[in-house]
Amino acid sequence: MSGTEEKKEEETRGRKAIELDREQIAKLASIHCSVDEIALIMNVSRDTIYRNYMDIVEQGRAKGKMGLRRKQWETAAKGNATMLVWLGKNWLGQTDEPQNPEDAKPLPWDDNF
């Protein structure tokens, strides 16, 4: 539904059309504000955000994640050991406990003990 269609739809329901600052919504979403927080800051109901602006919220959240991921990679690339370990565990499946296939075999069982 386009912006003009949304306005017409709201006007036909007896409501005054509200046009919110999409850039502000995207900025709030990029720092992972909840929909409730965005609605509170924008002085509208959460339903208004869900109904008319979730595409902006999702885009803002994606940009926020991208920025955070970029900073993590930059930090790791500068040699930050903590970030290198964290990225290794989360992106490469590495663990603190090495897996040895020899250790994974069951021990022999002897009923004579």
PDB file of N, CA and C in Angstrom:
ATOM      1  N   MET A   1       0.848  -1.163   0.000  1.00  0.00           N
ATOM      2  CA  MET A   1       0.000   0.000   0.000  1.00  0.00           C
ATOM      3  C   MET A   1       0.899   1.233   0.000  1.00  0.00           C
ATOM      4  N   SER A   2       0.665   2.179  -0.869  1.00  0.00           N
ATOM      5  CA  SER A   2       1.494   3.381  -0.938  1.00  0.00           C
ATOM      6  C   SER A   2       1.112   4.343   0.175  1.00  0.00           C
ATOM      7  N   GLY A   3       1.942   5.349   0.376  1.00  0.00           N
ATOM      8  CA  GLY A   3       1.696   6.338   1.420  1.00  0.00           C
ATOM      9  C   GLY A   3       0.386   7.066   1.235  1.00  0.00           C
ATOM     10  N   THR A   4       0.048   7.410  -0.013  1.00  0.00           N
ATOM     11  CA  THR A   4      -1.216   8.113  -0.256  1.00  0.00           C
ATOM     12  C   THR A   4      -2.402   7.200  -0.005  1.00  0.00           C
ATOM     13  N   GLU A   5      -2.254   5.914  -0.321  1.00  0.00           N
ATOM     14  CA  GLU A   5      -3.335   4.970  -0.044  1.00  0.00           C
ATOM     15  C   GLU A   5      -3.542   4.824   1.454  1.00  0.00           C
ATOM     16  N   GLU A   6      -2.427   4.823   2.237  1.00  0.00           N
ATOM     17  CA  GLU A   6      -2.537   4.735   3.690  1.00  0.00           C
ATOM     18  C   GLU A   6      -3.278   5.935   4.236  1.00  0.00           C
ATOM     19  N   LYS A   7      -2.926   7.126   3.738  1.00  0.00           N
ATOM     20  CA  LYS A   7      -3.595   8.339   4.209  1.00  0.00           C
ATOM     21  C   LYS A   7      -5.083   8.274   3.907  1.00  0.00           C
ATOM     22  N   LYS A   8      -5.433   7.879   2.679  1.00  0.00           N
ATOM     23  CA  LYS A   8      -6.839   7.796   2.295  1.00  0.00           C
ATOM     24  C   LYS A   8      -7.564   6.796   3.172  1.00  0.00           C
ATOM     25  N   GLU A   9      -6.911   5.646   3.437  1.00  0.00           N
ATOM     26  CA  GLU A   9      -7.545   4.619   4.260  1.00  0.00           C
ATOM     27  C   GLU A   9      -7.803   5.146   5.659  1.00  0.00           C
ATOM     28  N   GLU A  10      -6.807   5.837   6.251  1.00  0.00           N
ATOM     29  CA  GLU A  10      -6.985   6.372   7.591  1.00  0.00           C
ATOM     30  C   GLU A  10      -8.040   7.464   7.613  1.00  0.00           C
ATOM     31  N   GLU A  11      -8.075   8.305   6.582  1.00  0.00           N
ATOM     32  CA  GLU A  11      -9.055   9.373   6.536  1.00  0.00           C
ATOM     33  C   GLU A  11     -10.461   8.812   6.418  1.00  0.00           C
ATOM     34  N   THR A  12     -10.637   7.710   5.701  1.00  0.00           N
ATOM     35  CA  THR A  12     -11.969   7.120   5.561  1.00  0.00           C
ATOM     36  C   THR A  12     -12.432   6.475   6.860  1.00  0.00           C
ATOM     37  N   ARG A  13     -11.518   6.151   7.737  1.00  0.00           N
ATOM     38  CA  ARG A  13     -11.892   5.593   9.033  1.00  0.00           C
ATOM     39  C   ARG A  13     -12.143   6.697  10.054  1.00  0.00           C
ATOM     40  N   GLY A  14     -12.119   7.934   9.601  1.00  0.00           N
ATOM     41  CA  GLY A  14     -12.388   9.051  10.498  1.00  0.00           C
ATOM     42  C   GLY A  14     -11.185   9.508  11.283  1.00  0.00           C
ATOM     43  N   ARG A  15     -10.007   9.074  10.906  1.00  0.00           N
ATOM     44  CA  ARG A  15      -8.791   9.481  11.606  1.00  0.00           C
ATOM     45  C   ARG A  15      -8.029  10.483  10.771  1.00  0.00           C
ATOM     46  N   LYS A  16      -7.346  11.348  11.455  1.00  0.00           N
ATOM     47  CA  LYS A  16      -6.469  12.290  10.766  1.00  0.00           C
ATOM     48  C   LYS A  16      -5.202  11.538  10.356  1.00  0.00           C
ATOM     49  N   ALA A  17      -4.813  11.685   9.101  1.00  0.00           N
ATOM     50  CA  ALA A  17      -3.621  10.992   8.608  1.00  0.00           C
ATOM     51  C   ALA A  17      -2.384  11.520   9.324  1.00  0.00           C
ATOM     52  N   ILE A  18      -1.518  10.596   9.722  1.00  0.00           N
ATOM     53  CA  ILE A  18      -0.272  10.947  10.406  1.00  0.00           C
ATOM     54  C   ILE A  18       0.881  10.534   9.511  1.00  0.00           C
ATOM     55  N   GLU A  19       1.789  11.446   9.267  1.00  0.00           N
ATOM     56  CA  GLU A  19       3.002  11.104   8.512  1.00  0.00           C
ATOM     57  C   GLU A  19       4.184  11.281   9.456  1.00  0.00           C
ATOM     58  N   LEU A  20       4.829  10.192   9.778  1.00  0.00           N
ATOM     59  CA  LEU A  20       5.948  10.213  10.715  1.00  0.00           C
ATOM     60  C   LEU A  20       7.273  10.370   9.970  1.00  0.00           C
ATOM     61  N   ASP A  21       8.276  10.819  10.690  1.00  0.00           N
ATOM     62  CA  ASP A  21       9.624  10.982  10.141  1.00  0.00           C
ATOM     63  C   ASP A  21      10.256   9.601   9.987  1.00  0.00           C
ATOM     64  N   ARG A  22      10.288   9.117   8.761  1.00  0.00           N
ATOM     65  CA  ARG A  22      10.809   7.779   8.479  1.00  0.00           C
ATOM     66  C   ARG A  22      12.291   7.663   8.837  1.00  0.00           C
ATOM     67  N   GLU A  23      13.037   8.717   8.629  1.00  0.00           N
ATOM     68  CA  GLU A  23      14.470   8.688   8.952  1.00  0.00           C
ATOM     69  C   GLU A  23      14.678   8.521  10.452  1.00  0.00           C
ATOM     70  N   GLN A  24      13.860   9.200  11.249  1.00  0.00           N
ATOM     71  CA  GLN A  24      13.954   9.071  12.705  1.00  0.00           C
ATOM     72  C   GLN A  24      13.602   7.643  13.142  1.00  0.00           C
ATOM     73  N   ILE A  25      12.584   7.074  12.536  1.00  0.00           N
ATOM     74  CA  ILE A  25      12.198   5.694  12.856  1.00  0.00           C
ATOM     75  C   ILE A  25      13.346   4.750  12.513  1.00  0.00           C
ATOM     76  N   ALA A  26      13.962   4.945  11.353  1.00  0.00           N
ATOM     77  CA  ALA A  26      15.082   4.087  10.937  1.00  0.00           C
ATOM     78  C   ALA A  26      16.258   4.222  11.900  1.00  0.00           C
ATOM     79  N   LYS A  27      16.553   5.444  12.349  1.00  0.00           N
ATOM     80  CA  LYS A  27      17.658   5.654  13.296  1.00  0.00           C
ATOM     81  C   LYS A  27      17.371   4.954  14.622  1.00  0.00           C
ATOM     82  N   LEU A  28      16.150   5.076  15.113  1.00  0.00           N
ATOM     83  CA  LEU A  28      15.785   4.408  16.371  1.00  0.00           C
ATOM     84  C   LEU A  28      15.880   2.890  16.221  1.00  0.00           C
ATOM     85  N   ALA A  29      15.431   2.378  15.090  1.00  0.00           N
ATOM     86  CA  ALA A  29      15.496   0.934  14.847  1.00  0.00           C
ATOM     87  C   ALA A  29      16.937   0.465  14.716  1.00  0.00           C
ATOM     88  N   SER A  30      17.816   1.314  14.165  1.00  0.00           N
ATOM     89  CA  SER A  30      19.206   0.905  13.970  1.00  0.00           C
ATOM     90  C   SER A  30      19.949   0.719  15.287  1.00  0.00           C
ATOM     91  N   ILE A  31      19.467   1.345  16.359  1.00  0.00           N
ATOM     92  CA  ILE A  31      20.067   1.105  17.677  1.00  0.00           C
ATOM     93  C   ILE A  31      19.200   0.130  18.483  1.00  0.00           C
ATOM     94  N   HIS A  32      18.339  -0.579  17.765  1.00  0.00           N
ATOM     95  CA  HIS A  32      17.499  -1.660  18.275  1.00  0.00           C
ATOM     96  C   HIS A  32      16.523  -1.233  19.357  1.00  0.00           C
ATOM     97  N   CYS A  33      15.937  -0.052  19.182  1.00  0.00           N
ATOM     98  CA  CYS A  33      14.807   0.311  20.035  1.00  0.00           C
ATOM     99  C   CYS A  33      13.661  -0.640  19.710  1.00  0.00           C
ATOM    100  N   SER A  34      12.888  -0.981  20.704  1.00  0.00           N
ATOM    101  CA  SER A  34      11.729  -1.844  20.477  1.00  0.00           C
ATOM    102  C   SER A  34      10.638  -1.039  19.769  1.00  0.00           C
ATOM    103  N   VAL A  35       9.666  -1.732  19.223  1.00  0.00           N
ATOM    104  CA  VAL A  35       8.536  -1.047  18.581  1.00  0.00           C
ATOM    105  C   VAL A  35       7.815  -0.186  19.603  1.00  0.00           C
ATOM    106  N   ASP A  36       7.672  -0.685  20.825  1.00  0.00           N
ATOM    107  CA  ASP A  36       7.034   0.108  21.881  1.00  0.00           C
ATOM    108  C   ASP A  36       7.801   1.397  22.145  1.00  0.00           C
ATOM    109  N   GLU A  37       9.130   1.304  22.192  1.00  0.00           N
ATOM    110  CA  GLU A  37       9.948   2.502  22.426  1.00  0.00           C
ATOM    111  C   GLU A  37       9.833   3.480  21.258  1.00  0.00           C
ATOM    112  N   ILE A  38       9.868   2.967  20.042  1.00  0.00           N
ATOM    113  CA  ILE A  38       9.736   3.835  18.865  1.00  0.00           C
ATOM    114  C   ILE A  38       8.381   4.528  18.886  1.00  0.00           C
ATOM    115  N   ALA A  39       7.335   3.784  19.177  1.00  0.00           N
ATOM    116  CA  ALA A  39       5.989   4.369  19.229  1.00  0.00           C
ATOM    117  C   ALA A  39       5.912   5.451  20.299  1.00  0.00           C
ATOM    118  N   LEU A  40       6.493   5.204  21.447  1.00  0.00           N
ATOM    119  CA  LEU A  40       6.483   6.178  22.537  1.00  0.00           C
ATOM    120  C   LEU A  40       7.212   7.460  22.128  1.00  0.00           C
ATOM    121  N   ILE A  41       8.377   7.312  21.538  1.00  0.00           N
ATOM    122  CA  ILE A  41       9.164   8.470  21.113  1.00  0.00           C
ATOM    123  C   ILE A  41       8.447   9.242  20.003  1.00  0.00           C
ATOM    124  N   MET A  42       7.809   8.514  19.093  1.00  0.00           N
ATOM    125  CA  MET A  42       7.122   9.152  17.969  1.00  0.00           C
ATOM    126  C   MET A  42       5.705   9.621  18.342  1.00  0.00           C
ATOM    127  N   ASN A  43       5.279   9.301  19.547  1.00  0.00           N
ATOM    128  CA  ASN A  43       3.978   9.718  20.072  1.00  0.00           C
ATOM    129  C   ASN A  43       2.802   9.155  19.264  1.00  0.00           C
ATOM    130  N   VAL A  44       2.910   7.864  18.951  1.00  0.00           N
ATOM    131  CA  VAL A  44       1.828   7.152  18.259  1.00  0.00           C
ATOM    132  C   VAL A  44       1.650   5.800  18.931  1.00  0.00           C
ATOM    133  N   SER A  45       0.641   5.076  18.514  1.00  0.00           N
ATOM    134  CA  SER A  45       0.435   3.739  19.075  1.00  0.00           C
ATOM    135  C   SER A  45       1.391   2.750  18.421  1.00  0.00           C
ATOM    136  N   ARG A  46       1.663   1.686  19.131  1.00  0.00           N
ATOM    137  CA  ARG A  46       2.517   0.638  18.564  1.00  0.00           C
ATOM    138  C   ARG A  46       1.871   0.046  17.320  1.00  0.00           C
ATOM    139  N   ASP A  47       0.537   0.013  17.277  1.00  0.00           N
ATOM    140  CA  ASP A  47      -0.161  -0.509  16.102  1.00  0.00           C
ATOM    141  C   ASP A  47       0.139   0.330  14.855  1.00  0.00           C
ATOM    142  N   THR A  48       0.274   1.640  15.037  1.00  0.00           N
ATOM    143  CA  THR A  48       0.608   2.505  13.903  1.00  0.00           C
ATOM    144  C   THR A  48       1.968   2.130  13.338  1.00  0.00           C
ATOM    145  N   ILE A  49       2.915   1.857  14.221  1.00  0.00           N
ATOM    146  CA  ILE A  49       4.253   1.464  13.763  1.00  0.00           C
ATOM    147  C   ILE A  49       4.164   0.121  13.047  1.00  0.00           C
ATOM    148  N   TYR A  50       3.502  -0.852  13.680  1.00  0.00           N
ATOM    149  CA  TYR A  50       3.375  -2.179  13.065  1.00  0.00           C
ATOM    150  C   TYR A  50       2.658  -2.110  11.717  1.00  0.00           C
ATOM    151  N   ARG A  51       1.598  -1.330  11.662  1.00  0.00           N
ATOM    152  CA  ARG A  51       0.769  -1.296  10.464  1.00  0.00           C
ATOM    153  C   ARG A  51       1.430  -0.541   9.310  1.00  0.00           C
ATOM    154  N   ASN A  52       2.134   0.553   9.608  1.00  0.00           N
ATOM    155  CA  ASN A  52       2.589   1.447   8.545  1.00  0.00           C
ATOM    156  C   ASN A  52       4.096   1.592   8.385  1.00  0.00           C
ATOM    157  N   TYR A  53       4.884   1.148   9.380  1.00  0.00           N
ATOM    158  CA  TYR A  53       6.311   1.465   9.335  1.00  0.00           C
ATOM    159  C   TYR A  53       7.236   0.295   9.607  1.00  0.00           C
ATOM    160  N   MET A  54       6.718  -0.931   9.629  1.00  0.00           N
ATOM    161  CA  MET A  54       7.585  -2.068   9.950  1.00  0.00           C
ATOM    162  C   MET A  54       8.665  -2.288   8.899  1.00  0.00           C
ATOM    163  N   ASP A  55       8.413  -1.918   7.655  1.00  0.00           N
ATOM    164  CA  ASP A  55       9.458  -2.044   6.641  1.00  0.00           C
ATOM    165  C   ASP A  55      10.637  -1.146   6.977  1.00  0.00           C
ATOM    166  N   ILE A  56      10.353   0.052   7.484  1.00  0.00           N
ATOM    167  CA  ILE A  56      11.412   0.984   7.889  1.00  0.00           C
ATOM    168  C   ILE A  56      12.133   0.447   9.118  1.00  0.00           C
ATOM    169  N   VAL A  57      11.385  -0.097  10.063  1.00  0.00           N
ATOM    170  CA  VAL A  57      11.978  -0.668  11.284  1.00  0.00           C
ATOM    171  C   VAL A  57      12.921  -1.818  10.919  1.00  0.00           C
ATOM    172  N   GLU A  58      12.476  -2.708  10.058  1.00  0.00           N
ATOM    173  CA  GLU A  58      13.308  -3.852   9.665  1.00  0.00           C
ATOM    174  C   GLU A  58      14.569  -3.402   8.931  1.00  0.00           C
ATOM    175  N   GLN A  59      14.452  -2.415   8.069  1.00  0.00           N
ATOM    176  CA  GLN A  59      15.629  -1.884   7.371  1.00  0.00           C
ATOM    177  C   GLN A  59      16.600  -1.240   8.360  1.00  0.00           C
ATOM    178  N   GLY A  60      16.066  -0.471   9.302  1.00  0.00           N
ATOM    179  CA  GLY A  60      16.911   0.162  10.310  1.00  0.00           C
ATOM    180  C   GLY A  60      17.634  -0.853  11.169  1.00  0.00           C
ATOM    181  N   ARG A  61      16.937  -1.899  11.575  1.00  0.00           N
ATOM    182  CA  ARG A  61      17.569  -2.949  12.381  1.00  0.00           C
ATOM    183  C   ARG A  61      18.663  -3.652  11.598  1.00  0.00           C
ATOM    184  N   ALA A  62      18.420  -3.905  10.317  1.00  0.00           N
ATOM    185  CA  ALA A  62      19.438  -4.556   9.479  1.00  0.00           C
ATOM    186  C   ALA A  62      20.681  -3.674   9.367  1.00  0.00           C
ATOM    187  N   LYS A  63      20.485  -2.375   9.201  1.00  0.00           N
ATOM    188  CA  LYS A  63      21.630  -1.458   9.124  1.00  0.00           C
ATOM    189  C   LYS A  63      22.384  -1.420  10.451  1.00  0.00           C
ATOM    190  N   GLY A  64      21.643  -1.464  11.554  1.00  0.00           N
ATOM    191  CA  GLY A  64      22.281  -1.483  12.861  1.00  0.00           C
ATOM    192  C   GLY A  64      23.135  -2.727  13.052  1.00  0.00           C
ATOM    193  N   LYS A  65      22.615  -3.885  12.656  1.00  0.00           N
ATOM    194  CA  LYS A  65      23.372  -5.133  12.745  1.00  0.00           C
ATOM    195  C   LYS A  65      24.602  -5.085  11.858  1.00  0.00           C
ATOM    196  N   MET A  66      24.452  -4.525  10.672  1.00  0.00           N
ATOM    197  CA  MET A  66      25.575  -4.427   9.745  1.00  0.00           C
ATOM    198  C   MET A  66      26.684  -3.559  10.345  1.00  0.00           C
ATOM    199  N   GLY A  67      26.312  -2.444  10.947  1.00  0.00           N
ATOM    200  CA  GLY A  67      27.308  -1.564  11.566  1.00  0.00           C
ATOM    201  C   GLY A  67      28.021  -2.235  12.730  1.00  0.00           C
ATOM    202  N   LEU A  68      27.255  -2.942  13.554  1.00  0.00           N
ATOM    203  CA  LEU A  68      27.852  -3.656  14.684  1.00  0.00           C
ATOM    204  C   LEU A  68      28.794  -4.743  14.197  1.00  0.00           C
ATOM    205  N   ARG A  69      28.359  -5.492  13.201  1.00  0.00           N
ATOM    206  CA  ARG A  69      29.199  -6.545  12.640  1.00  0.00           C
ATOM    207  C   ARG A  69      30.489  -5.958  12.067  1.00  0.00           C
ATOM    208  N   ARG A  70      30.400  -4.828  11.372  1.00  0.00           N
ATOM    209  CA  ARG A  70      31.584  -4.173  10.810  1.00  0.00           C
ATOM    210  C   ARG A  70      32.575  -3.796  11.921  1.00  0.00           C
ATOM    211  N   LYS A  71      32.062  -3.237  13.009  1.00  0.00           N
ATOM    212  CA  LYS A  71      32.933  -2.847  14.131  1.00  0.00           C
ATOM    213  C   LYS A  71      33.579  -4.071  14.768  1.00  0.00           C
ATOM    214  N   GLN A  72      32.842  -5.164  14.875  1.00  0.00           N
ATOM    215  CA  GLN A  72      33.413  -6.385  15.438  1.00  0.00           C
ATOM    216  C   GLN A  72      34.558  -6.881  14.565  1.00  0.00           C
ATOM    217  N   TRP A  73      34.349  -6.906  13.262  1.00  0.00           N
ATOM    218  CA  TRP A  73      35.402  -7.367  12.354  1.00  0.00           C
ATOM    219  C   TRP A  73      36.606  -6.440  12.411  1.00  0.00           C
ATOM    220  N   GLU A  74      36.361  -5.135  12.461  1.00  0.00           N
ATOM    221  CA  GLU A  74      37.471  -4.181  12.548  1.00  0.00           C
ATOM    222  C   GLU A  74      38.254  -4.386  13.847  1.00  0.00           C
ATOM    223  N   THR A  75      37.537  -4.588  14.930  1.00  0.00           N
ATOM    224  CA  THR A  75      38.180  -4.808  16.224  1.00  0.00           C
ATOM    225  C   THR A  75      39.009  -6.086  16.204  1.00  0.00           C
ATOM    226  N   ALA A  76      38.453  -7.142  15.649  1.00  0.00           N
ATOM    227  CA  ALA A  76      39.182  -8.409  15.547  1.00  0.00           C
ATOM    228  C   ALA A  76      40.406  -8.247  14.646  1.00  0.00           C
ATOM    229  N   ALA A  77      40.253  -7.547  13.537  1.00  0.00           N
ATOM    230  CA  ALA A  77      41.357  -7.362  12.591  1.00  0.00           C
ATOM    231  C   ALA A  77      42.507  -6.566  13.208  1.00  0.00           C
ATOM    232  N   LYS A  78      42.192  -5.748  14.208  1.00  0.00           N
ATOM    233  CA  LYS A  78      43.236  -4.980  14.902  1.00  0.00           C
ATOM    234  C   LYS A  78      43.950  -5.831  15.952  1.00  0.00           C
ATOM    235  N   GLY A  79      43.512  -7.091  16.105  1.00  0.00           N
ATOM    236  CA  GLY A  79      44.195  -7.998  17.008  1.00  0.00           C
ATOM    237  C   GLY A  79      43.555  -8.167  18.366  1.00  0.00           C
ATOM    238  N   ASN A  80      42.339  -7.707  18.559  1.00  0.00           N
ATOM    239  CA  ASN A  80      41.661  -7.871  19.833  1.00  0.00           C
ATOM    240  C   ASN A  80      41.357  -9.354  20.040  1.00  0.00           C
ATOM    241  N   ALA A  81      42.070  -9.978  20.985  1.00  0.00           N
ATOM    242  CA  ALA A  81      41.970 -11.425  21.187  1.00  0.00           C
ATOM    243  C   ALA A  81      40.562 -11.850  21.584  1.00  0.00           C
ATOM    244  N   THR A  82      39.902 -11.069  22.420  1.00  0.00           N
ATOM    245  CA  THR A  82      38.554 -11.419  22.854  1.00  0.00           C
ATOM    246  C   THR A  82      37.600 -11.471  21.668  1.00  0.00           C
ATOM    247  N   MET A  83      37.700 -10.482  20.793  1.00  0.00           N
ATOM    248  CA  MET A  83      36.818 -10.457  19.631  1.00  0.00           C
ATOM    249  C   MET A  83      37.176 -11.567  18.653  1.00  0.00           C
ATOM    250  N   LEU A  84      38.453 -11.868  18.515  1.00  0.00           N
ATOM    251  CA  LEU A  84      38.859 -12.967  17.642  1.00  0.00           C
ATOM    252  C   LEU A  84      38.275 -14.289  18.133  1.00  0.00           C
ATOM    253  N   VAL A  85      38.341 -14.529  19.440  1.00  0.00           N
ATOM    254  CA  VAL A  85      37.791 -15.763  20.011  1.00  0.00           C
ATOM    255  C   VAL A  85      36.283 -15.796  19.825  1.00  0.00           C
ATOM    256  N   TRP A  86      35.613 -14.674  20.112  1.00  0.00           N
ATOM    257  CA  TRP A  86      34.155 -14.628  19.993  1.00  0.00           C
ATOM    258  C   TRP A  86      33.718 -14.897  18.555  1.00  0.00           C
ATOM    259  N   LEU A  87      34.337 -14.238  17.599  1.00  0.00           N
ATOM    260  CA  LEU A  87      33.982 -14.460  16.194  1.00  0.00           C
ATOM    261  C   LEU A  87      34.302 -15.896  15.766  1.00  0.00           C
ATOM    262  N   GLY A  88      35.418 -16.447  16.252  1.00  0.00           N
ATOM    263  CA  GLY A  88      35.760 -17.828  15.929  1.00  0.00           C
ATOM    264  C   GLY A  88      34.698 -18.796  16.425  1.00  0.00           C
ATOM    265  N   LYS A  89      34.214 -18.582  17.632  1.00  0.00           N
ATOM    266  CA  LYS A  89      33.187 -19.468  18.192  1.00  0.00           C
ATOM    267  C   LYS A  89      31.855 -19.293  17.457  1.00  0.00           C
ATOM    268  N   ASN A  90      31.482 -18.054  17.197  1.00  0.00           N
ATOM    269  CA  ASN A  90      30.164 -17.793  16.639  1.00  0.00           C
ATOM    270  C   ASN A  90      30.086 -17.951  15.127  1.00  0.00           C
ATOM    271  N   TRP A  91      31.145 -17.670  14.419  1.00  0.00           N
ATOM    272  CA  TRP A  91      31.110 -17.754  12.966  1.00  0.00           C
ATOM    273  C   TRP A  91      31.787 -19.002  12.416  1.00  0.00           C
ATOM    274  N   LEU A  92      32.744 -19.525  13.157  1.00  0.00           N
ATOM    275  CA  LEU A  92      33.500 -20.669  12.655  1.00  0.00           C
ATOM    276  C   LEU A  92      33.195 -21.960  13.406  1.00  0.00           C
ATOM    277  N   GLY A  93      32.353 -21.888  14.431  1.00  0.00           N
ATOM    278  CA  GLY A  93      31.984 -23.087  15.175  1.00  0.00           C
ATOM    279  C   GLY A  93      33.095 -23.616  16.064  1.00  0.00           C
ATOM    280  N   GLN A  94      34.065 -22.781  16.390  1.00  0.00           N
ATOM    281  CA  GLN A  94      35.164 -23.227  17.245  1.00  0.00           C
ATOM    282  C   GLN A  94      34.700 -23.284  18.698  1.00  0.00           C
ATOM    283  N   THR A  95      35.364 -24.140  19.498  1.00  0.00           N
ATOM    284  CA  THR A  95      35.014 -24.265  20.915  1.00  0.00           C
ATOM    285  C   THR A  95      36.280 -24.205  21.753  1.00  0.00           C
ATOM    286  N   ASP A  96      36.087 -24.067  23.061  1.00  0.00           N
ATOM    287  CA  ASP A  96      37.214 -24.077  23.993  1.00  0.00           C
ATOM    288  C   ASP A  96      37.735 -25.489  24.227  1.00  0.00           C
ATOM    289  N   GLU A  97      36.908 -26.472  23.933  1.00  0.00           N
ATOM    290  CA  GLU A  97      37.272 -27.865  24.167  1.00  0.00           C
ATOM    291  C   GLU A  97      37.534 -28.551  22.832  1.00  0.00           C
ATOM    292  N   PRO A  98      38.777 -28.910  22.567  1.00  0.00           N
ATOM    293  CA  PRO A  98      39.060 -29.593  21.301  1.00  0.00           C
ATOM    294  C   PRO A  98      38.355 -30.941  21.246  1.00  0.00           C
ATOM    295  N   GLN A  99      37.910 -31.294  20.066  1.00  0.00           N
ATOM    296  CA  GLN A  99      37.236 -32.573  19.870  1.00  0.00           C
ATOM    297  C   GLN A  99      38.238 -33.565  19.296  1.00  0.00           C
ATOM    298  N   ASN A 100      38.416 -34.682  19.996  1.00  0.00           N
ATOM    299  CA  ASN A 100      39.303 -35.732  19.545  1.00  0.00           C
ATOM    300  C   ASN A 100      38.445 -36.955  19.264  1.00  0.00           C
ATOM    301  N   PRO A 101      38.400 -37.438  18.013  1.00  0.00           N
ATOM    302  CA  PRO A 101      37.541 -38.589  17.711  1.00  0.00           C
ATOM    303  C   PRO A 101      37.895 -39.821  18.538  1.00  0.00           C
ATOM    304  N   GLU A 102      39.140 -39.950  18.955  1.00  0.00           N
ATOM    305  CA  GLU A 102      39.543 -41.095  19.791  1.00  0.00           C
ATOM    306  C   GLU A 102      38.825 -41.059  21.132  1.00  0.00           C
ATOM    307  N   ASP A 103      38.614 -39.857  21.659  1.00  0.00           N
ATOM    308  CA  ASP A 103      37.956 -39.715  22.957  1.00  0.00           C
ATOM    309  C   ASP A 103      36.452 -39.985  22.872  1.00  0.00           C
ATOM    310  N   ALA A 104      35.887 -39.933  21.696  1.00  0.00           N
ATOM    311  CA  ALA A 104      34.451 -40.081  21.534  1.00  0.00           C
ATOM    312  C   ALA A 104      34.005 -41.542  21.579  1.00  0.00           C
ATOM    313  N   LYS A 105      34.933 -42.490  21.524  1.00  0.00           N
ATOM    314  CA  LYS A 105      34.574 -43.909  21.540  1.00  0.00           C
ATOM    315  C   LYS A 105      34.216 -44.332  22.959  1.00  0.00           C
ATOM    316  N   PRO A 106      33.239 -45.237  23.102  1.00  0.00           N
ATOM    317  CA  PRO A 106      32.887 -45.705  24.452  1.00  0.00           C
ATOM    318  C   PRO A 106      34.026 -46.558  25.021  1.00  0.00           C
ATOM    319  N   LEU A 107      34.159 -46.509  26.322  1.00  0.00           N
ATOM    320  CA  LEU A 107      35.182 -47.330  26.986  1.00  0.00           C
ATOM    321  C   LEU A 107      34.763 -48.793  26.938  1.00  0.00           C
ATOM    322  N   PRO A 108      35.739 -49.702  26.906  1.00  0.00           N
ATOM    323  CA  PRO A 108      35.365 -51.134  26.915  1.00  0.00           C
ATOM    324  C   PRO A 108      34.704 -51.495  28.233  1.00  0.00           C
ATOM    325  N   TRP A 109      33.740 -52.394  28.160  1.00  0.00           N
ATOM    326  CA  TRP A 109      32.998 -52.769  29.360  1.00  0.00           C
ATOM    327  C   TRP A 109      33.433 -54.165  29.784  1.00  0.00           C
ATOM    328  N   ASP A 110      33.694 -54.320  31.087  1.00  0.00           N
ATOM    329  CA  ASP A 110      34.092 -55.619  31.603  1.00  0.00           C
ATOM    330  C   ASP A 110      33.285 -55.886  32.850  1.00  0.00           C
ATOM    331  N   ASP A 111      32.463 -56.934  32.838  1.00  0.00           N
ATOM    332  CA  ASP A 111      31.615 -57.278  33.961  1.00  0.00           C
ATOM    333  C   ASP A 111      32.383 -57.903  35.122  1.00  0.00           C
ATOM    334  N   ASN A 112      33.669 -58.177  34.975  1.00  0.00           N
ATOM    335  CA  ASN A 112      34.454 -58.871  35.991  1.00  0.00           C
ATOM    336  C   ASN A 112      34.909 -57.960  37.122  1.00  0.00           C
ATOM    337  N   PHE A 113      34.650 -56.689  37.064  1.00  0.00           N
ATOM    338  CA  PHE A 113      35.124 -55.804  38.148  1.00  0.00           C
ATOM    339  C   PHE A 113      34.193 -55.749  39.285  1.00  0.00           C
TER     340      PHE A 113
END
